[in-house]
């Protein structure tokens, strides 16, 4: 079945580093406010999730969420968590590591959309 979210090897390495330093972590895909559309990384429990947040899956044992309104735009795509050089969002744990998480995406195939009950 098509995964809604996955991570590159570089992203998994940074996730493991952050988990070693901070304990369990989670992601929330920003809606574009303070830090653009960056995936934000938090210690589990630091961001209060609401009924409007959708869990897309896990990457490196970290759950990945996004607001349901934003999910409506992204539901036909696979989210690929990647890492690039640079500072992350000021509230995100990757901010001081010299690397930052970045969301890439690709459209699901017709077969994947069928498997995910999107068509």
N, C-alpha and C. Protein backbone atom coordinates (compact mmCIF):
# COMPACT_ATOMS: atom_id res chain seq x y z
N UNK A 1 0.84 -1.19 0.00
CA UNK A 1 0.00 0.00 0.00
C UNK A 1 0.88 1.24 0.00
N UNK A 2 0.43 2.28 -0.64
CA UNK A 2 1.18 3.54 -0.67
C UNK A 2 1.27 4.14 0.73
N UNK A 3 2.46 4.49 1.12
CA UNK A 3 2.64 5.15 2.41
C UNK A 3 2.30 6.63 2.27
N UNK A 4 1.60 7.18 3.21
CA UNK A 4 1.27 8.61 3.16
C UNK A 4 2.48 9.47 3.47
N UNK A 5 3.38 8.96 4.30
CA UNK A 5 4.58 9.71 4.65
C UNK A 5 5.76 8.74 4.77
N UNK A 6 6.91 9.17 4.27
CA UNK A 6 8.13 8.39 4.42
C UNK A 6 9.29 9.37 4.56
N UNK A 7 10.47 8.85 4.85
CA UNK A 7 11.63 9.71 5.09
C UNK A 7 12.84 9.19 4.33
N UNK A 8 13.69 10.12 3.93
CA UNK A 8 14.96 9.75 3.30
C UNK A 8 15.91 9.23 4.39
N UNK A 9 16.99 8.60 3.96
CA UNK A 9 17.99 8.11 4.92
C UNK A 9 18.57 9.26 5.74
N UNK A 10 18.79 10.43 5.10
CA UNK A 10 19.32 11.60 5.81
C UNK A 10 18.34 12.08 6.88
N UNK A 11 17.06 12.07 6.55
CA UNK A 11 16.05 12.48 7.52
C UNK A 11 15.99 11.50 8.68
N UNK A 12 16.07 10.20 8.38
CA UNK A 12 16.05 9.20 9.45
C UNK A 12 17.25 9.36 10.38
N UNK A 13 18.41 9.68 9.82
CA UNK A 13 19.60 9.88 10.66
C UNK A 13 19.40 11.07 11.60
N UNK A 14 18.83 12.17 11.10
CA UNK A 14 18.58 13.33 11.95
C UNK A 14 17.50 13.03 12.99
N UNK A 15 16.50 12.29 12.61
CA UNK A 15 15.46 11.89 13.57
C UNK A 15 16.08 11.11 14.72
N UNK A 16 16.95 10.16 14.40
CA UNK A 16 17.59 9.35 15.44
C UNK A 16 18.47 10.20 16.34
N UNK A 17 19.19 11.15 15.76
CA UNK A 17 20.01 12.07 16.56
C UNK A 17 19.14 12.87 17.52
N UNK A 18 18.04 13.41 17.01
CA UNK A 18 17.15 14.21 17.85
C UNK A 18 16.46 13.36 18.92
N UNK A 19 16.11 12.13 18.59
CA UNK A 19 15.51 11.25 19.59
C UNK A 19 16.50 10.91 20.70
N UNK A 20 17.78 10.71 20.32
CA UNK A 20 18.80 10.44 21.33
C UNK A 20 18.97 11.62 22.28
N UNK A 21 18.85 12.83 21.76
CA UNK A 21 19.03 14.04 22.57
C UNK A 21 17.79 14.42 23.37
N UNK A 22 16.60 14.23 22.79
CA UNK A 22 15.38 14.79 23.35
C UNK A 22 14.32 13.77 23.75
N UNK A 23 14.56 12.51 23.49
CA UNK A 23 13.53 11.50 23.76
C UNK A 23 12.54 11.43 22.60
N UNK A 24 11.35 10.87 22.83
CA UNK A 24 10.36 10.73 21.75
C UNK A 24 10.02 12.07 21.11
N UNK A 25 9.94 12.06 19.78
CA UNK A 25 9.63 13.28 19.02
C UNK A 25 8.46 13.04 18.09
N UNK A 26 7.91 14.13 17.58
CA UNK A 26 6.80 14.08 16.62
C UNK A 26 6.98 15.21 15.61
N UNK A 27 6.26 15.13 14.51
CA UNK A 27 6.28 16.16 13.47
C UNK A 27 4.88 16.72 13.27
N UNK A 28 4.86 18.01 12.92
CA UNK A 28 3.61 18.64 12.48
C UNK A 28 3.96 19.49 11.28
N UNK A 29 3.29 19.23 10.17
CA UNK A 29 3.54 20.01 8.96
C UNK A 29 2.93 21.38 9.15
N UNK A 30 3.78 22.40 9.16
CA UNK A 30 3.33 23.76 9.38
C UNK A 30 2.38 24.20 8.27
N UNK A 31 1.44 25.02 8.64
CA UNK A 31 0.48 25.55 7.68
C UNK A 31 0.94 26.82 7.00
N UNK A 32 2.16 27.27 7.25
CA UNK A 32 2.68 28.42 6.55
C UNK A 32 2.78 29.68 7.37
N UNK A 33 2.59 29.63 8.66
CA UNK A 33 2.67 30.82 9.49
C UNK A 33 4.13 31.24 9.67
N UNK A 34 4.63 31.18 10.86
CA UNK A 34 5.95 31.71 11.20
C UNK A 34 7.09 31.10 10.41
N UNK A 35 7.07 29.81 10.19
CA UNK A 35 8.19 29.14 9.55
C UNK A 35 7.83 28.60 8.18
N UNK A 36 7.01 29.30 7.45
CA UNK A 36 6.66 28.86 6.11
C UNK A 36 5.91 27.55 6.14
N UNK A 37 6.28 26.65 5.30
CA UNK A 37 5.60 25.34 5.26
C UNK A 37 6.56 24.24 5.69
N UNK A 38 7.40 24.53 6.65
CA UNK A 38 8.37 23.57 7.15
C UNK A 38 7.70 22.52 8.02
N UNK A 39 8.18 21.27 7.93
CA UNK A 39 7.74 20.29 8.91
C UNK A 39 8.43 20.62 10.24
N UNK A 40 7.67 20.81 11.28
CA UNK A 40 8.20 21.18 12.58
C UNK A 40 8.35 19.93 13.44
N UNK A 41 9.47 19.85 14.16
CA UNK A 41 9.78 18.70 14.99
C UNK A 41 9.75 19.12 16.46
N UNK A 42 8.98 18.40 17.27
CA UNK A 42 8.81 18.74 18.68
C UNK A 42 9.00 17.50 19.55
N UNK A 43 9.39 17.70 20.81
CA UNK A 43 9.30 16.58 21.75
C UNK A 43 7.83 16.20 21.90
N UNK A 44 7.54 14.93 22.00
CA UNK A 44 6.16 14.49 22.19
C UNK A 44 5.59 15.18 23.42
N UNK A 45 4.42 15.79 23.26
CA UNK A 45 3.75 16.48 24.35
C UNK A 45 3.95 17.98 24.36
N UNK A 46 4.94 18.48 23.61
CA UNK A 46 5.16 19.93 23.58
C UNK A 46 4.18 20.67 22.68
N UNK A 47 3.62 20.00 21.70
CA UNK A 47 2.61 20.61 20.83
C UNK A 47 1.29 19.93 21.14
N UNK A 48 0.30 20.72 21.50
CA UNK A 48 -1.02 20.18 21.80
C UNK A 48 -1.74 19.93 20.48
N UNK A 49 -2.08 18.68 20.24
CA UNK A 49 -2.81 18.31 19.03
C UNK A 49 -4.30 18.43 19.30
N UNK A 50 -5.04 18.73 18.23
CA UNK A 50 -6.48 18.87 18.37
C UNK A 50 -7.23 17.89 17.50
N UNK A 51 -8.54 17.95 17.56
CA UNK A 51 -9.40 17.08 16.76
C UNK A 51 -9.21 17.32 15.26
N UNK A 52 -8.66 18.46 14.90
CA UNK A 52 -8.48 18.82 13.50
C UNK A 52 -7.17 18.32 12.91
N UNK A 53 -6.31 17.71 13.74
CA UNK A 53 -5.02 17.21 13.26
C UNK A 53 -5.13 15.76 12.81
N UNK A 54 -4.52 15.46 11.67
CA UNK A 54 -4.56 14.13 11.07
C UNK A 54 -3.17 13.52 11.16
N UNK A 55 -3.09 12.29 11.66
CA UNK A 55 -1.81 11.58 11.68
C UNK A 55 -1.66 10.85 10.34
N UNK A 56 -0.60 11.19 9.60
CA UNK A 56 -0.37 10.57 8.30
C UNK A 56 0.40 9.27 8.41
N UNK A 57 1.07 9.05 9.52
CA UNK A 57 1.87 7.85 9.70
C UNK A 57 3.08 8.15 10.55
N UNK A 58 4.06 7.26 10.48
CA UNK A 58 5.28 7.41 11.26
C UNK A 58 6.50 7.37 10.36
N UNK A 59 7.50 8.14 10.78
CA UNK A 59 8.83 8.10 10.16
C UNK A 59 9.84 8.00 11.29
N UNK A 60 10.67 6.97 11.27
CA UNK A 60 11.67 6.81 12.32
C UNK A 60 11.07 6.78 13.71
N UNK A 61 9.93 6.13 13.88
CA UNK A 61 9.20 6.05 15.16
C UNK A 61 8.68 7.40 15.64
N UNK A 62 8.54 8.35 14.75
CA UNK A 62 7.98 9.66 15.10
C UNK A 62 6.70 9.86 14.28
N UNK A 63 5.59 10.14 14.95
CA UNK A 63 4.35 10.37 14.22
C UNK A 63 4.41 11.71 13.49
N UNK A 64 3.74 11.76 12.34
CA UNK A 64 3.73 12.93 11.46
C UNK A 64 2.28 13.39 11.29
N UNK A 65 2.00 14.62 11.70
CA UNK A 65 0.65 15.19 11.68
C UNK A 65 0.55 16.40 10.75
N UNK A 66 -0.67 16.69 10.35
CA UNK A 66 -0.98 17.95 9.66
C UNK A 66 -2.45 18.27 9.91
N UNK A 67 -2.78 19.56 9.85
CA UNK A 67 -4.16 19.99 10.07
C UNK A 67 -5.04 19.43 8.95
N UNK A 68 -6.27 19.07 9.28
CA UNK A 68 -7.13 18.41 8.28
C UNK A 68 -7.42 19.29 7.08
N UNK A 69 -7.50 20.61 7.24
CA UNK A 69 -7.72 21.48 6.08
C UNK A 69 -6.54 21.42 5.12
N UNK A 70 -5.33 21.40 5.67
CA UNK A 70 -4.15 21.29 4.82
C UNK A 70 -4.07 19.89 4.20
N UNK A 71 -4.45 18.89 4.97
CA UNK A 71 -4.45 17.52 4.47
C UNK A 71 -5.33 17.39 3.23
N UNK A 72 -6.44 18.13 3.18
CA UNK A 72 -7.31 18.06 2.00
C UNK A 72 -6.56 18.44 0.72
N UNK A 73 -5.60 19.34 0.82
CA UNK A 73 -4.79 19.71 -0.35
C UNK A 73 -3.72 18.67 -0.66
N UNK A 74 -3.24 17.98 0.36
CA UNK A 74 -2.08 17.07 0.21
C UNK A 74 -2.48 15.60 0.13
N UNK A 75 -3.74 15.25 0.30
CA UNK A 75 -4.11 13.84 0.45
C UNK A 75 -3.81 13.00 -0.79
N UNK A 76 -3.64 13.61 -1.92
CA UNK A 76 -3.33 12.86 -3.15
C UNK A 76 -1.82 12.74 -3.39
N UNK A 77 -1.04 13.14 -2.40
CA UNK A 77 0.42 13.09 -2.54
C UNK A 77 1.06 12.35 -1.36
N UNK A 78 2.20 11.77 -1.66
CA UNK A 78 3.01 11.16 -0.61
C UNK A 78 3.97 12.23 -0.09
N UNK A 79 4.02 12.38 1.22
CA UNK A 79 4.94 13.32 1.86
C UNK A 79 6.27 12.61 2.05
N UNK A 80 7.34 13.23 1.59
CA UNK A 80 8.68 12.67 1.74
C UNK A 80 9.48 13.64 2.60
N UNK A 81 9.79 13.22 3.81
CA UNK A 81 10.56 14.04 4.73
C UNK A 81 12.04 13.93 4.36
N UNK A 82 12.66 15.07 4.11
CA UNK A 82 14.06 15.12 3.71
C UNK A 82 14.80 16.11 4.61
N UNK A 83 16.10 16.24 4.41
CA UNK A 83 16.94 17.14 5.20
C UNK A 83 17.84 17.92 4.24
N UNK A 84 18.00 19.21 4.52
CA UNK A 84 18.93 20.05 3.77
C UNK A 84 19.76 20.84 4.78
N UNK A 85 20.88 21.39 4.33
CA UNK A 85 21.69 22.24 5.18
C UNK A 85 20.95 23.53 5.48
N UNK A 86 21.16 24.07 6.67
CA UNK A 86 20.54 25.33 7.05
C UNK A 86 19.84 25.21 8.39
N UNK A 87 19.39 26.33 8.88
CA UNK A 87 18.69 26.35 10.18
C UNK A 87 17.22 26.01 9.99
N UNK A 88 16.70 25.23 10.90
CA UNK A 88 15.29 24.90 10.89
C UNK A 88 14.48 26.00 11.55
N UNK A 89 13.20 25.76 11.67
CA UNK A 89 12.32 26.72 12.31
C UNK A 89 12.72 26.95 13.76
N UNK A 90 12.49 28.15 14.24
CA UNK A 90 12.97 28.51 15.57
C UNK A 90 12.34 27.69 16.68
N UNK A 91 11.17 27.09 16.45
CA UNK A 91 10.53 26.27 17.46
C UNK A 91 10.76 24.78 17.22
N UNK A 92 11.42 24.44 16.14
CA UNK A 92 11.64 23.06 15.76
C UNK A 92 12.98 22.56 16.31
N UNK A 93 13.02 21.31 16.75
CA UNK A 93 14.23 20.76 17.36
C UNK A 93 15.43 20.73 16.42
N UNK A 94 15.19 20.71 15.12
CA UNK A 94 16.31 20.68 14.18
C UNK A 94 17.01 22.03 14.04
N UNK A 95 16.47 23.07 14.65
CA UNK A 95 16.96 24.44 14.49
C UNK A 95 18.42 24.67 14.83
N UNK A 96 18.99 23.88 15.72
CA UNK A 96 20.37 24.12 16.14
C UNK A 96 21.35 23.09 15.59
N UNK A 97 20.90 22.22 14.74
CA UNK A 97 21.75 21.13 14.24
C UNK A 97 22.49 21.45 12.95
N UNK A 98 22.25 22.63 12.37
CA UNK A 98 22.89 22.95 11.09
C UNK A 98 22.23 22.27 9.91
N UNK A 99 21.14 21.59 10.17
CA UNK A 99 20.32 20.92 9.15
C UNK A 99 18.88 21.28 9.43
N UNK A 100 18.03 21.15 8.43
CA UNK A 100 16.61 21.37 8.66
C UNK A 100 15.80 20.38 7.85
N UNK A 101 14.67 20.02 8.40
CA UNK A 101 13.76 19.13 7.69
C UNK A 101 13.07 19.90 6.58
N UNK A 102 12.77 19.20 5.51
CA UNK A 102 12.11 19.77 4.34
C UNK A 102 11.11 18.75 3.82
N UNK A 103 9.94 19.22 3.44
CA UNK A 103 8.93 18.34 2.87
C UNK A 103 9.03 18.36 1.35
N UNK A 104 9.13 17.17 0.81
CA UNK A 104 9.02 16.98 -0.64
C UNK A 104 7.76 16.14 -0.84
N UNK A 105 7.30 16.04 -2.05
CA UNK A 105 6.10 15.22 -2.27
C UNK A 105 6.09 14.68 -3.69
N UNK A 106 5.27 13.67 -3.87
CA UNK A 106 5.01 13.12 -5.20
C UNK A 106 3.55 12.70 -5.23
N UNK A 107 2.95 12.79 -6.40
CA UNK A 107 1.56 12.39 -6.54
C UNK A 107 1.45 10.87 -6.49
N UNK A 108 0.44 10.39 -5.80
CA UNK A 108 0.19 8.95 -5.77
C UNK A 108 -0.25 8.48 -7.15
N UNK A 109 0.09 7.24 -7.48
CA UNK A 109 -0.39 6.62 -8.71
C UNK A 109 -1.87 6.29 -8.56
N UNK A 110 -2.52 5.99 -9.65
CA UNK A 110 -3.93 5.62 -9.61
C UNK A 110 -4.13 4.39 -8.72
N UNK A 111 -3.21 3.44 -8.81
CA UNK A 111 -3.31 2.23 -7.99
C UNK A 111 -3.19 2.56 -6.50
N UNK A 112 -2.25 3.46 -6.15
CA UNK A 112 -2.10 3.85 -4.76
C UNK A 112 -3.33 4.60 -4.26
N UNK A 113 -3.88 5.49 -5.08
CA UNK A 113 -5.09 6.21 -4.71
C UNK A 113 -6.24 5.24 -4.42
N UNK A 114 -6.34 4.19 -5.24
CA UNK A 114 -7.37 3.17 -5.02
C UNK A 114 -7.13 2.45 -3.70
N UNK A 115 -5.87 2.05 -3.44
CA UNK A 115 -5.52 1.37 -2.19
C UNK A 115 -5.82 2.23 -0.96
N UNK A 116 -5.63 3.54 -1.10
CA UNK A 116 -5.85 4.46 0.01
C UNK A 116 -7.30 4.95 0.09
N UNK A 117 -8.16 4.37 -0.77
CA UNK A 117 -9.59 4.74 -0.81
C UNK A 117 -9.80 6.23 -1.09
N UNK A 118 -8.97 6.77 -1.98
CA UNK A 118 -9.12 8.19 -2.34
C UNK A 118 -9.83 8.36 -3.68
N UNK A 119 -10.04 7.26 -4.40
CA UNK A 119 -10.86 7.33 -5.64
C UNK A 119 -11.78 6.13 -5.68
